Amino acid sequence: MSKIAIVDDEQDILNVLEKFLSRSAEFDVTTFNNPVNGLSAVQSGGYDLVLLDIMMPQLDGLEFLRKLRETNPDIKVIMMTAYDTLERSLEAHKYGAKNYITKPFSSLTTVKDKVIRELKR
């Protein structure tokens, strides 16, 4: 079973993703609506993948990713953003986020497929 953390300040996004991904017996999903708390939990270890929003108060996703890489350089990360810009995508890629998902989601099945692909890398 793969342990997944979802970090987003939008509770509705967390609820939808957790409910959908938890239907699969292959995922153990934990959500965090506070990026500071999410970073602390993910740094403690045990997670295989993080779905991470870019735009959040207190700690944006790119800063979260930079700090995460200091302690967990190998954890897989998929960025989520409503603002699909090349600059942000390149910066996220520089810190090891190999994939991203745009919000609103076109399909939850596509999200799941990206999670599965990333876990297999």
C-alpha atoms as a PDB file:
ATOM      1  CA  MET A   1       0.000   0.000   0.000  1.00  0.00           C
ATOM      2  CA  SER A   2       1.338   3.434  -0.959  1.00  0.00           C
ATOM      3  CA  LYS A   3       1.108   6.205   1.607  1.00  0.00           C
ATOM      4  CA  ILE A   4       0.027   9.501   0.027  1.00  0.00           C
ATOM      5  CA  ALA A   5      -0.099  12.982   1.558  1.00  0.00           C
ATOM      6  CA  ILE A   6      -2.282  15.625  -0.050  1.00  0.00           C
ATOM      7  CA  VAL A   7      -1.455  19.210   0.911  1.00  0.00           C
ATOM      8  CA  ASP A   8      -3.860  21.955  -0.185  1.00  0.00           C
ATOM      9  CA  ASP A   9      -5.467  24.892   1.593  1.00  0.00           C
ATOM     10  CA  GLU A  10      -8.801  24.215  -0.148  1.00  0.00           C
ATOM     11  CA  GLN A  11     -10.771  21.755   1.985  1.00  0.00           C
ATOM     12  CA  ASP A  12     -13.106  20.848  -0.902  1.00  0.00           C
ATOM     13  CA  ILE A  13     -10.138  19.700  -3.008  1.00  0.00           C
ATOM     14  CA  LEU A  14      -8.817  17.627  -0.101  1.00  0.00           C
ATOM     15  CA  ASN A  15     -12.210  16.010   0.471  1.00  0.00           C
ATOM     16  CA  VAL A  16     -12.714  15.075  -3.191  1.00  0.00           C
ATOM     17  CA  LEU A  17      -9.200  13.684  -3.663  1.00  0.00           C
ATOM     18  CA  GLU A  18      -9.190  11.779  -0.384  1.00  0.00           C
ATOM     19  CA  LYS A  19     -12.583  10.210  -1.050  1.00  0.00           C
ATOM     20  CA  PHE A  20     -11.680   9.235  -4.626  1.00  0.00           C
ATOM     21  CA  LEU A  21      -8.155   7.926  -3.994  1.00  0.00           C
ATOM     22  CA  SER A  22      -9.156   6.108  -0.792  1.00  0.00           C
ATOM     23  CA  ARG A  23     -11.565   3.947  -2.796  1.00  0.00           C
ATOM     24  CA  SER A  24      -8.507   2.122  -4.064  1.00  0.00           C
ATOM     25  CA  ALA A  25      -7.076  -0.429  -1.649  1.00  0.00           C
ATOM     26  CA  GLU A  26      -3.592   0.468  -2.905  1.00  0.00           C
ATOM     27  CA  PHE A  27      -3.597   3.971  -1.340  1.00  0.00           C
ATOM     28  CA  ASP A  28      -3.452   5.150   2.259  1.00  0.00           C
ATOM     29  CA  VAL A  29      -4.361   8.855   1.998  1.00  0.00           C
ATOM     30  CA  THR A  30      -3.778  11.604   4.572  1.00  0.00           C
ATOM     31  CA  THR A  31      -4.753  15.230   3.942  1.00  0.00           C
ATOM     32  CA  PHE A  32      -3.375  18.493   5.286  1.00  0.00           C
ATOM     33  CA  ASN A  33      -5.071  21.872   4.829  1.00  0.00           C
ATOM     34  CA  ASN A  34      -2.203  23.649   6.585  1.00  0.00           C
ATOM     35  CA  PRO A  35       1.076  23.459   4.637  1.00  0.00           C
ATOM     36  CA  VAL A  36       3.235  23.981   7.737  1.00  0.00           C
ATOM     37  CA  ASN A  37       1.637  20.993   9.473  1.00  0.00           C
ATOM     38  CA  GLY A  38       1.768  19.006   6.240  1.00  0.00           C
ATOM     39  CA  LEU A  39       5.484  19.659   5.803  1.00  0.00           C
ATOM     40  CA  SER A  40       6.213  18.571   9.359  1.00  0.00           C
ATOM     41  CA  ALA A  41       4.256  15.338   8.919  1.00  0.00           C
ATOM     42  CA  VAL A  42       5.765  14.513   5.534  1.00  0.00           C
ATOM     43  CA  GLN A  43       9.296  15.247   6.760  1.00  0.00           C
ATOM     44  CA  SER A  44       8.727  12.761   9.577  1.00  0.00           C
ATOM     45  CA  GLY A  45       8.735  10.138   6.872  1.00  0.00           C
ATOM     46  CA  GLY A  46       6.751   7.207   5.710  1.00  0.00           C
ATOM     47  CA  TYR A  47       5.094   8.861   2.706  1.00  0.00           C
ATOM     48  CA  ASP A  48       5.637   7.569  -0.817  1.00  0.00           C
ATOM     49  CA  LEU A  49       4.096  10.509  -2.665  1.00  0.00           C
ATOM     50  CA  VAL A  50       2.855  14.047  -2.030  1.00  0.00           C
ATOM     51  CA  LEU A  51       0.160  15.812  -4.031  1.00  0.00           C
ATOM     52  CA  LEU A  52       1.072  19.439  -3.383  1.00  0.00           C
ATOM     53  CA  ASP A  53      -0.753  22.657  -4.216  1.00  0.00           C
ATOM     54  CA  ILE A  54       1.463  25.537  -5.345  1.00  0.00           C
ATOM     55  CA  MET A  55      -0.578  28.521  -4.133  1.00  0.00           C
ATOM     56  CA  MET A  56      -1.120  28.357  -0.364  1.00  0.00           C
ATOM     57  CA  PRO A  57      -0.921  30.877   2.480  1.00  0.00           C
ATOM     58  CA  GLN A  58       1.796  30.561   5.144  1.00  0.00           C
ATOM     59  CA  LEU A  59       3.999  28.374   2.933  1.00  0.00           C
ATOM     60  CA  ASP A  60       3.622  28.120  -0.829  1.00  0.00           C
ATOM     61  CA  GLY A  61       4.096  24.799  -2.566  1.00  0.00           C
ATOM     62  CA  LEU A  62       7.458  25.665  -4.104  1.00  0.00           C
ATOM     63  CA  GLU A  63       8.934  26.646  -0.736  1.00  0.00           C
ATOM     64  CA  PHE A  64       7.371  23.504   0.771  1.00  0.00           C
ATOM     65  CA  LEU A  65       9.067  21.459  -1.951  1.00  0.00           C
ATOM     66  CA  ARG A  66      12.466  23.121  -1.361  1.00  0.00           C
ATOM     67  CA  LYS A  67      12.268  22.424   2.369  1.00  0.00           C
ATOM     68  CA  LEU A  68      11.052  18.865   1.789  1.00  0.00           C
ATOM     69  CA  ARG A  69      14.032  18.119  -0.439  1.00  0.00           C
ATOM     70  CA  GLU A  70      16.407  19.022   2.408  1.00  0.00           C
ATOM     71  CA  THR A  71      15.170  16.076   4.467  1.00  0.00           C
ATOM     72  CA  ASN A  72      13.440  13.772   1.954  1.00  0.00           C
ATOM     73  CA  PRO A  73      15.256  14.042  -1.380  1.00  0.00           C
ATOM     74  CA  ASP A  74      13.655  10.933  -2.891  1.00  0.00           C
ATOM     75  CA  ILE A  75       9.969  11.354  -2.084  1.00  0.00           C
ATOM     76  CA  LYS A  76       7.810  11.638  -5.189  1.00  0.00           C
ATOM     77  CA  VAL A  77       5.871  14.889  -5.623  1.00  0.00           C
ATOM     78  CA  ILE A  78       3.101  15.913  -8.004  1.00  0.00           C
ATOM     79  CA  MET A  79       2.321  19.625  -8.002  1.00  0.00           C
ATOM     80  CA  MET A  80      -1.264  20.886  -8.295  1.00  0.00           C
ATOM     81  CA  THR A  81      -2.008  24.331  -9.642  1.00  0.00           C
ATOM     82  CA  ALA A  82      -4.796  26.466 -10.992  1.00  0.00           C
ATOM     83  CA  TYR A  83      -2.123  28.666 -12.580  1.00  0.00           C
ATOM     84  CA  ASP A  84      -0.389  26.698 -15.296  1.00  0.00           C
ATOM     85  CA  THR A  85       2.745  28.758 -15.937  1.00  0.00           C
ATOM     86  CA  LEU A  86       5.965  27.539 -17.473  1.00  0.00           C
ATOM     87  CA  GLU A  87       8.063  29.402 -14.897  1.00  0.00           C
ATOM     88  CA  ARG A  88       6.442  27.668 -11.929  1.00  0.00           C
ATOM     89  CA  SER A  89       6.540  24.293 -13.661  1.00  0.00           C
ATOM     90  CA  LEU A  90      10.259  24.660 -14.367  1.00  0.00           C
ATOM     91  CA  GLU A  91      10.991  25.708 -10.791  1.00  0.00           C
ATOM     92  CA  ALA A  92       9.016  22.759  -9.413  1.00  0.00           C
ATOM     93  CA  HIS A  93      10.836  20.425 -11.803  1.00  0.00           C
ATOM     94  CA  LYS A  94      14.179  21.804 -10.592  1.00  0.00           C
ATOM     95  CA  TYR A  95      13.280  20.596  -7.096  1.00  0.00           C
ATOM     96  CA  GLY A  96      12.200  17.164  -8.253  1.00  0.00           C
ATOM     97  CA  ALA A  97       8.494  17.468  -9.017  1.00  0.00           C
ATOM     98  CA  LYS A  98       8.268  15.469 -12.217  1.00  0.00           C
ATOM     99  CA  ASN A  99       4.577  15.940 -12.852  1.00  0.00           C
ATOM    100  CA  TYR A 100       1.770  18.377 -12.232  1.00  0.00           C
ATOM    101  CA  ILE A 101      -1.997  18.477 -12.309  1.00  0.00           C
ATOM    102  CA  THR A 102      -4.045  21.522 -13.248  1.00  0.00           C
ATOM    103  CA  LYS A 103      -7.085  22.533 -11.227  1.00  0.00           C
ATOM    104  CA  PRO A 104      -9.945  22.272 -11.673  1.00  0.00           C
ATOM    105  CA  PHE A 105      -9.354  18.611 -12.470  1.00  0.00           C
ATOM    106  CA  SER A 106     -10.525  17.497 -15.887  1.00  0.00           C
ATOM    107  CA  SER A 107     -10.950  13.961 -14.561  1.00  0.00           C
ATOM    108  CA  LEU A 108     -10.302  12.268 -11.238  1.00  0.00           C
ATOM    109  CA  THR A 109      -9.310   9.157 -13.165  1.00  0.00           C
ATOM    110  CA  THR A 110      -6.524  11.184 -14.790  1.00  0.00           C
ATOM    111  CA  VAL A 111      -5.349  12.264 -11.333  1.00  0.00           C
ATOM    112  CA  LYS A 112      -5.277   8.633 -10.184  1.00  0.00           C
ATOM    113  CA  ASP A 113      -3.430   7.577 -13.344  1.00  0.00           C
ATOM    114  CA  LYS A 114      -0.751  10.236 -12.732  1.00  0.00           C
ATOM    115  CA  VAL A 115      -0.387   9.090  -9.120  1.00  0.00           C
ATOM    116  CA  ILE A 116       0.042   5.460 -10.212  1.00  0.00           C
ATOM    117  CA  ARG A 117       2.578   6.406 -12.902  1.00  0.00           C
ATOM    118  CA  GLU A 118       4.587   8.529 -10.482  1.00  0.00           C
ATOM    119  CA  LEU A 119       4.666   5.774  -7.853  1.00  0.00           C
ATOM    120  CA  LYS A 120       6.018   3.328 -10.443  1.00  0.00           C
ATOM    121  CA  ARG A 121       8.940   5.596 -11.401  1.00  0.00           C
END
